[in-house]
Amino acid sequence: MQGMDVIGMIFAAALLGAATPSIAEQAGPHVLVAGPTVARAIVYGPEPRQGLELFTRTGAGKAPLIVYLHGGGWSAGSPKDGSKDAQADHWTSLGYAYATVAYRFVPVVDAEDQLRDVAKAIAMLRQEPGVDGRRIILMGHSSGGTMAAQLGTDPRWLAQAKVPFDAVKAVVLLDPSVLDLPPVMAVKGDPTVDRYFRPAFGDDPARQSALSPVKQTEAPNAPAWLILADANNGFARAQGGDLAAGLLAAGAAEAKVVPIAGTTHMRLNNEIGAPDDKATAEIDVFLARALPEMQKARRR
């Protein structure tokens, strides 16, 4: 498969360390929520990595929930990737509840068990004070982006945890690792595929297809999708475009790929919430469309 060396370089660098639309000048009137951010550690299962951290604002009431899934090649990474710097502060200041979820790693569990972990975490989060469990946004980076896309295209994972699929209002993917597995898994001898992808997804093409968001775009799907890609990551842009096309054909209200220039795979994630960050501005505009009620003035 021509180009796999480039793919390998992209993913190795990441794991170790559509046309571009203009960014709207303003997403709409921001819901600026005063008061301190409250962080709560929550355990959703008996295993060491079955935990999460939930961030809310004092006095914010029931807020739509952003669920962040970290990357790390299905075998590494930390939920702290979603709470460092300005991320939690940014989302809670705009009126969202924000959770960053840990999950068990391959090879102790398989990719399907990881999706079950996240679905179980979401089921618990829906019952938490300060969370509106009827309005959920999935957000994931790298392999966490793959997982968010799997949850947003295949209702069975949330159904197993008794989470209504229509509670998922939007999905944001940050430079997702892979959205169509069989073409990648068919490559033999690539060290990145062998190290990260094969332990998670095995050698059965039918299983790989069942775990490929691009191949699961028949309805129902989450209604609104934003796929942000490092402008230098042609692989994520191409597979993101295939996913967006399938989602739109199946009736999604919105699905688009936005390349982000002047960033890297890791910076795209780590700079979310920072002032003047292009990716953050794109997400703000997107969520203003996906949840227009969040743009109304709220009085406290």
Protein backbone atom coordinates (compact mmCIF):
# COMPACT_ATOMS: atom_id res chain seq x y z
CA MET A 1 0.00 0.00 0.00
CA GLN A 2 1.70 3.10 -1.24
CA GLY A 3 2.06 5.77 1.42
CA MET A 4 2.14 3.51 4.47
CA ASP A 5 5.63 4.77 5.33
CA VAL A 6 4.12 8.24 5.66
CA ILE A 7 1.29 6.83 7.79
CA GLY A 8 3.80 5.06 9.97
CA MET A 9 5.78 8.25 10.48
CA ILE A 10 2.62 10.16 11.41
CA PHE A 11 1.46 7.62 13.97
CA ALA A 12 4.92 6.88 15.38
CA ALA A 13 5.49 10.56 16.01
CA ALA A 14 2.05 10.95 17.51
CA LEU A 15 2.19 7.93 19.76
CA LEU A 16 5.58 8.85 20.97
CA GLY A 17 5.31 12.25 21.74
CA ALA A 18 -12.39 18.77 2.18
CA ALA A 19 -11.37 22.38 1.85
CA THR A 20 -10.49 24.54 4.74
CA PRO A 21 -13.45 26.75 5.70
CA SER A 22 -12.78 30.11 7.25
CA ILE A 23 -13.32 30.39 10.98
CA ALA A 24 -16.37 32.46 11.82
CA GLU A 25 -15.49 35.67 13.54
CA GLN A 26 -17.84 34.84 16.37
CA ALA A 27 -19.60 31.62 17.36
CA GLY A 28 -22.46 33.57 18.86
CA PRO A 29 -22.80 35.02 22.33
CA HIS A 30 -20.74 32.81 24.61
CA VAL A 31 -22.29 31.50 27.77
CA LEU A 32 -19.70 32.70 30.24
CA VAL A 33 -20.26 30.91 33.53
CA ALA A 34 -18.77 32.55 36.57
CA GLY A 35 -17.52 30.68 39.59
CA PRO A 36 -14.79 28.13 40.25
CA THR A 37 -14.36 24.89 38.34
CA VAL A 38 -15.07 21.83 40.48
CA ALA A 39 -13.19 18.61 39.66
CA ARG A 40 -14.48 15.26 40.84
CA ALA A 41 -12.76 11.89 40.48
CA ILE A 42 -15.28 9.10 39.78
CA VAL A 43 -14.76 5.35 39.63
CA TYR A 44 -17.02 3.50 37.18
CA GLY A 45 -15.59 -0.02 37.51
CA PRO A 46 -13.38 -2.24 39.67
CA GLU A 47 -10.22 -2.14 37.52
CA PRO A 48 -7.50 0.47 38.16
CA ARG A 49 -8.07 2.34 34.89
CA GLN A 50 -11.85 2.41 35.12
CA GLY A 51 -12.10 5.97 36.37
CA LEU A 52 -12.72 9.48 35.13
CA GLU A 53 -12.56 13.12 36.14
CA LEU A 54 -15.62 15.36 35.83
CA PHE A 55 -15.36 19.15 35.70
CA THR A 56 -18.34 21.42 36.36
CA ARG A 57 -18.91 25.02 37.44
CA THR A 58 -20.47 25.87 40.76
CA GLY A 59 -24.08 26.93 40.24
CA ALA A 60 -24.14 26.12 36.51
CA GLY A 61 -27.13 23.79 36.75
CA LYS A 62 -27.51 20.80 34.44
CA ALA A 63 -25.11 21.29 31.55
CA PRO A 64 -24.50 19.42 28.29
CA LEU A 65 -21.64 16.96 28.74
CA ILE A 66 -18.44 16.83 26.68
CA VAL A 67 -16.81 13.41 27.04
CA TYR A 68 -13.11 13.45 26.10
CA LEU A 69 -11.22 10.26 25.11
CA HIS A 70 -7.44 10.42 25.14
CA GLY A 71 -5.12 8.89 22.57
CA GLY A 72 -2.15 6.57 22.95
CA GLY A 73 -2.52 3.79 20.41
CA TRP A 74 -5.08 1.86 22.50
CA SER A 75 -2.21 0.85 24.80
CA ALA A 76 -1.03 4.05 26.52
CA GLY A 77 -1.99 7.64 27.29
CA SER A 78 -3.69 9.39 30.15
CA PRO A 79 -7.03 11.07 30.82
CA LYS A 80 -4.94 13.99 32.10
CA ASP A 81 -4.32 14.75 28.41
CA GLY A 82 -7.79 16.25 28.42
CA SER A 83 -7.54 18.27 31.62
CA LYS A 84 -4.21 20.01 31.34
CA ASP A 85 -3.73 23.60 30.36
CA ALA A 86 -6.96 25.39 29.45
CA GLN A 87 -9.25 22.60 28.26
CA ALA A 88 -11.48 21.98 31.27
CA ASP A 89 -11.61 25.68 32.11
CA HIS A 90 -12.60 26.61 28.56
CA TRP A 91 -15.48 24.17 28.25
CA THR A 92 -16.94 24.75 31.68
CA SER A 93 -16.73 28.53 31.20
CA LEU A 94 -18.98 28.13 28.15
CA GLY A 95 -21.60 26.26 30.12
CA TYR A 96 -20.62 22.64 29.48
CA ALA A 97 -19.80 19.87 31.90
CA TYR A 98 -16.55 18.20 30.84
CA ALA A 99 -15.29 14.69 31.59
CA THR A 100 -12.04 13.02 30.64
CA VAL A 101 -12.26 9.23 30.76
CA ALA A 102 -9.67 6.54 31.44
CA TYR A 103 -10.14 3.07 29.98
CA ARG A 104 -8.29 -0.23 30.13
CA PHE A 105 -5.45 -0.87 27.69
CA VAL A 106 -4.67 -3.41 24.99
CA PRO A 107 -3.47 -6.19 25.32
CA VAL A 108 -5.06 -6.67 28.76
CA VAL A 109 -8.41 -6.05 27.04
CA ASP A 110 -9.41 -5.73 23.40
CA ALA A 111 -10.75 -2.75 21.46
CA GLU A 112 -14.33 -3.83 22.06
CA ASP A 113 -13.79 -3.87 25.83
CA GLN A 114 -12.42 -0.34 25.65
CA LEU A 115 -15.63 0.83 23.98
CA ARG A 116 -17.64 -0.94 26.68
CA ASP A 117 -15.57 0.87 29.31
CA VAL A 118 -16.34 4.25 27.82
CA ALA A 119 -20.03 3.46 27.40
CA LYS A 120 -20.20 2.39 31.04
CA ALA A 121 -18.49 5.63 32.07
CA ILE A 122 -21.00 7.67 30.06
CA ALA A 123 -23.89 5.82 31.68
CA MET A 124 -22.56 6.79 35.11
CA LEU A 125 -21.86 10.38 34.07
CA ARG A 126 -25.46 10.84 32.95
CA GLN A 127 -26.54 10.43 36.57
CA GLU A 128 -24.08 12.92 38.03
CA PRO A 129 -25.19 16.28 39.48
CA GLY A 130 -24.57 19.11 37.06
CA VAL A 131 -24.83 16.88 33.96
CA ASP A 132 -27.64 16.93 31.42
CA GLY A 133 -27.50 13.30 30.25
CA ARG A 134 -29.78 14.08 27.31
CA ARG A 135 -27.10 16.21 25.60
CA ILE A 136 -23.71 14.56 25.09
CA ILE A 137 -20.78 15.56 22.88
CA LEU A 138 -18.09 12.95 22.20
CA MET A 139 -14.58 14.30 21.68
CA GLY A 140 -11.47 12.20 21.09
CA HIS A 141 -7.86 12.62 20.05
CA SER A 142 -5.85 10.16 17.93
CA SER A 143 -6.91 6.61 18.90
CA GLY A 144 -9.43 8.28 21.22
CA GLY A 145 -10.81 9.94 18.09
CA THR A 146 -11.23 6.51 16.52
CA MET A 147 -13.12 5.41 19.63
CA ALA A 148 -15.37 8.48 19.61
CA ALA A 149 -16.20 7.79 15.96
CA GLN A 150 -16.95 4.14 16.72
CA LEU A 151 -19.35 5.16 19.50
CA GLY A 152 -20.99 7.80 17.30
CA THR A 153 -21.66 5.49 14.34
CA ASP A 154 -22.53 2.17 16.01
CA PRO A 155 -25.39 2.29 18.57
CA ARG A 156 -24.65 -1.14 20.07
CA TRP A 157 -21.92 0.09 22.43
CA LEU A 158 -24.04 2.70 24.19
CA ALA A 159 -27.07 0.41 24.07
CA GLN A 160 -25.17 -2.21 26.07
CA ALA A 161 -24.76 0.40 28.81
CA LYS A 162 -28.41 1.50 28.51
CA VAL A 163 -27.45 4.93 27.18
CA PRO A 164 -29.96 6.26 24.61
CA PHE A 165 -28.13 6.75 21.34
CA ASP A 166 -30.04 9.93 20.57
CA ALA A 167 -28.44 11.53 23.64
CA VAL A 168 -25.29 11.97 21.52
CA LYS A 169 -25.76 15.33 19.82
CA ALA A 170 -22.32 15.86 18.28
CA VAL A 171 -18.90 14.27 17.76
CA VAL A 172 -15.55 16.08 17.52
CA LEU A 173 -12.53 14.12 16.25
CA LEU A 174 -9.04 15.52 16.80
CA ASP A 175 -6.63 14.06 14.22
CA PRO A 176 -8.14 10.54 14.50
CA SER A 177 -5.75 7.60 14.09
CA VAL A 178 -7.84 5.47 11.71
CA LEU A 179 -11.45 5.43 10.54
CA ASP A 180 -11.28 2.60 7.98
CA LEU A 181 -9.27 -0.33 9.32
CA PRO A 182 -9.03 -3.01 6.57
CA PRO A 183 -6.80 -1.01 4.17
CA VAL A 184 -4.38 -0.27 7.01
CA MET A 185 -4.44 -3.76 8.49
CA ALA A 186 -3.78 -5.34 5.09
CA VAL A 187 -0.29 -3.86 5.10
CA LYS A 188 2.27 -6.40 6.27
CA GLY A 189 5.50 -5.58 8.02
CA ASP A 190 4.74 -1.97 8.95
CA PRO A 191 6.12 -1.47 12.49
CA THR A 192 3.43 1.01 13.52
CA VAL A 193 0.61 -1.27 12.37
CA ASP A 194 2.22 -4.25 14.07
CA ARG A 195 2.89 -2.41 17.31
CA TYR A 196 -0.38 -0.54 17.80
CA PHE A 197 -3.10 -1.53 15.38
CA ARG A 198 -2.78 -5.32 15.18
CA PRO A 199 -2.91 -5.94 18.96
CA ALA A 200 -6.10 -3.86 19.12
CA PHE A 201 -7.89 -5.11 16.00
CA GLY A 202 -6.40 -8.50 15.11
CA ASP A 203 -6.34 -10.11 11.67
CA ASP A 204 -10.00 -10.84 10.98
CA PRO A 205 -11.21 -8.48 8.20
CA ALA A 206 -14.85 -8.91 9.28
CA ARG A 207 -14.00 -7.75 12.80
CA GLN A 208 -11.96 -4.86 11.43
CA SER A 209 -14.87 -3.74 9.25
CA ALA A 210 -17.27 -3.96 12.19
CA LEU A 211 -14.95 -1.60 14.10
CA SER A 212 -14.44 0.82 11.18
CA PRO A 213 -16.58 3.98 11.45
CA VAL A 214 -16.37 4.49 7.68
CA LYS A 215 -18.14 1.16 7.22
CA GLN A 216 -20.79 1.87 9.89
CA THR A 217 -22.33 5.05 8.48
CA GLU A 218 -25.77 3.67 7.78
CA ALA A 219 -28.34 5.37 10.01
CA PRO A 220 -28.55 5.95 12.89
CA ASN A 221 -25.49 8.07 13.56
CA ALA A 222 -24.79 11.08 15.74
CA PRO A 223 -26.27 14.04 13.85
CA ALA A 224 -23.34 16.50 13.79
CA TRP A 225 -19.63 15.81 13.16
CA LEU A 226 -16.46 17.90 13.10
CA ILE A 227 -13.19 16.24 12.09
CA LEU A 228 -10.13 18.39 12.75
CA ALA A 229 -6.88 17.21 11.18
CA ASP A 230 -3.32 18.43 11.25
CA ALA A 231 -3.03 19.93 7.76
CA ASN A 232 0.09 17.81 7.20
CA ASN A 233 -1.76 14.56 8.02
CA GLY A 234 -3.12 13.58 4.62
CA PHE A 235 -4.17 10.17 5.91
CA ALA A 236 -6.51 11.59 8.57
CA ARG A 237 -7.88 14.11 6.08
CA ALA A 238 -8.60 11.41 3.49
CA GLN A 239 -10.23 8.95 5.87
CA GLY A 240 -12.07 11.80 7.58
CA GLY A 241 -13.44 12.83 4.20
CA ASP A 242 -14.66 9.30 3.53
CA LEU A 243 -16.40 9.25 6.91
CA ALA A 244 -17.99 12.67 6.39
CA ALA A 245 -19.29 11.67 2.96
CA GLY A 246 -20.85 8.50 4.34
CA LEU A 247 -22.45 10.32 7.25
CA LEU A 248 -23.96 13.01 5.03
CA ALA A 249 -25.30 10.39 2.61
CA ALA A 250 -26.97 8.67 5.58
CA GLY A 251 -28.69 11.86 6.71
CA ALA A 252 -26.30 13.60 9.13
CA ALA A 253 -27.13 17.27 9.61
CA GLU A 254 -23.45 18.21 9.40
CA ALA A 255 -20.17 16.39 8.84
CA LYS A 256 -17.02 18.15 7.71
CA VAL A 257 -13.26 17.89 7.76
CA VAL A 258 -11.26 20.98 8.71
CA PRO A 259 -7.47 20.90 8.26
CA ILE A 260 -5.63 22.97 10.87
CA ALA A 261 -2.45 24.61 9.63
CA GLY A 262 0.58 25.43 11.76
CA THR A 263 0.09 22.63 14.25
CA THR A 264 1.12 19.00 14.88
CA HIS A 265 -0.72 15.88 15.93
CA MET A 266 0.01 16.53 19.61
CA ARG A 267 -0.29 20.32 19.60
CA LEU A 268 -3.72 20.09 17.99
CA ASN A 269 -4.91 18.33 21.12
CA ASN A 270 -2.80 20.06 23.75
CA GLU A 271 -3.68 23.61 22.71
CA ILE A 272 -7.46 23.17 22.85
CA GLY A 273 -8.87 25.94 25.03
CA ALA A 274 -5.90 28.26 24.61
CA PRO A 275 -6.59 31.87 23.59
CA ASP A 276 -6.65 32.39 19.81
CA ASP A 277 -6.35 28.64 19.13
CA LYS A 278 -7.73 27.89 15.65
CA ALA A 279 -8.95 24.40 16.51
CA THR A 280 -10.80 25.65 19.58
CA ALA A 281 -12.47 28.38 17.53
CA GLU A 282 -13.64 25.78 15.01
CA ILE A 283 -15.10 23.63 17.79
CA ASP A 284 -16.84 26.62 19.40
CA VAL A 285 -18.49 27.54 16.10
CA PHE A 286 -19.49 23.94 15.43
CA LEU A 287 -21.02 23.41 18.87
CA ALA A 288 -22.92 26.69 18.51
CA ARG A 289 -24.66 25.11 15.53
CA ALA A 290 -25.08 21.65 17.04
CA LEU A 291 -26.50 22.97 20.35
CA PRO A 292 -27.95 26.38 19.48
CA GLU A 293 -29.69 26.63 22.83
CA MET A 294 -26.26 27.04 24.43
CA GLN A 295 -25.94 30.45 22.78
CA LYS A 296 -28.93 31.89 24.60
CA ALA A 297 -28.18 34.10 27.55
CA ARG A 298 -28.50 32.20 30.80
CA ARG A 299 -29.24 33.98 34.05
CA ARG A 300 -28.02 32.72 37.38
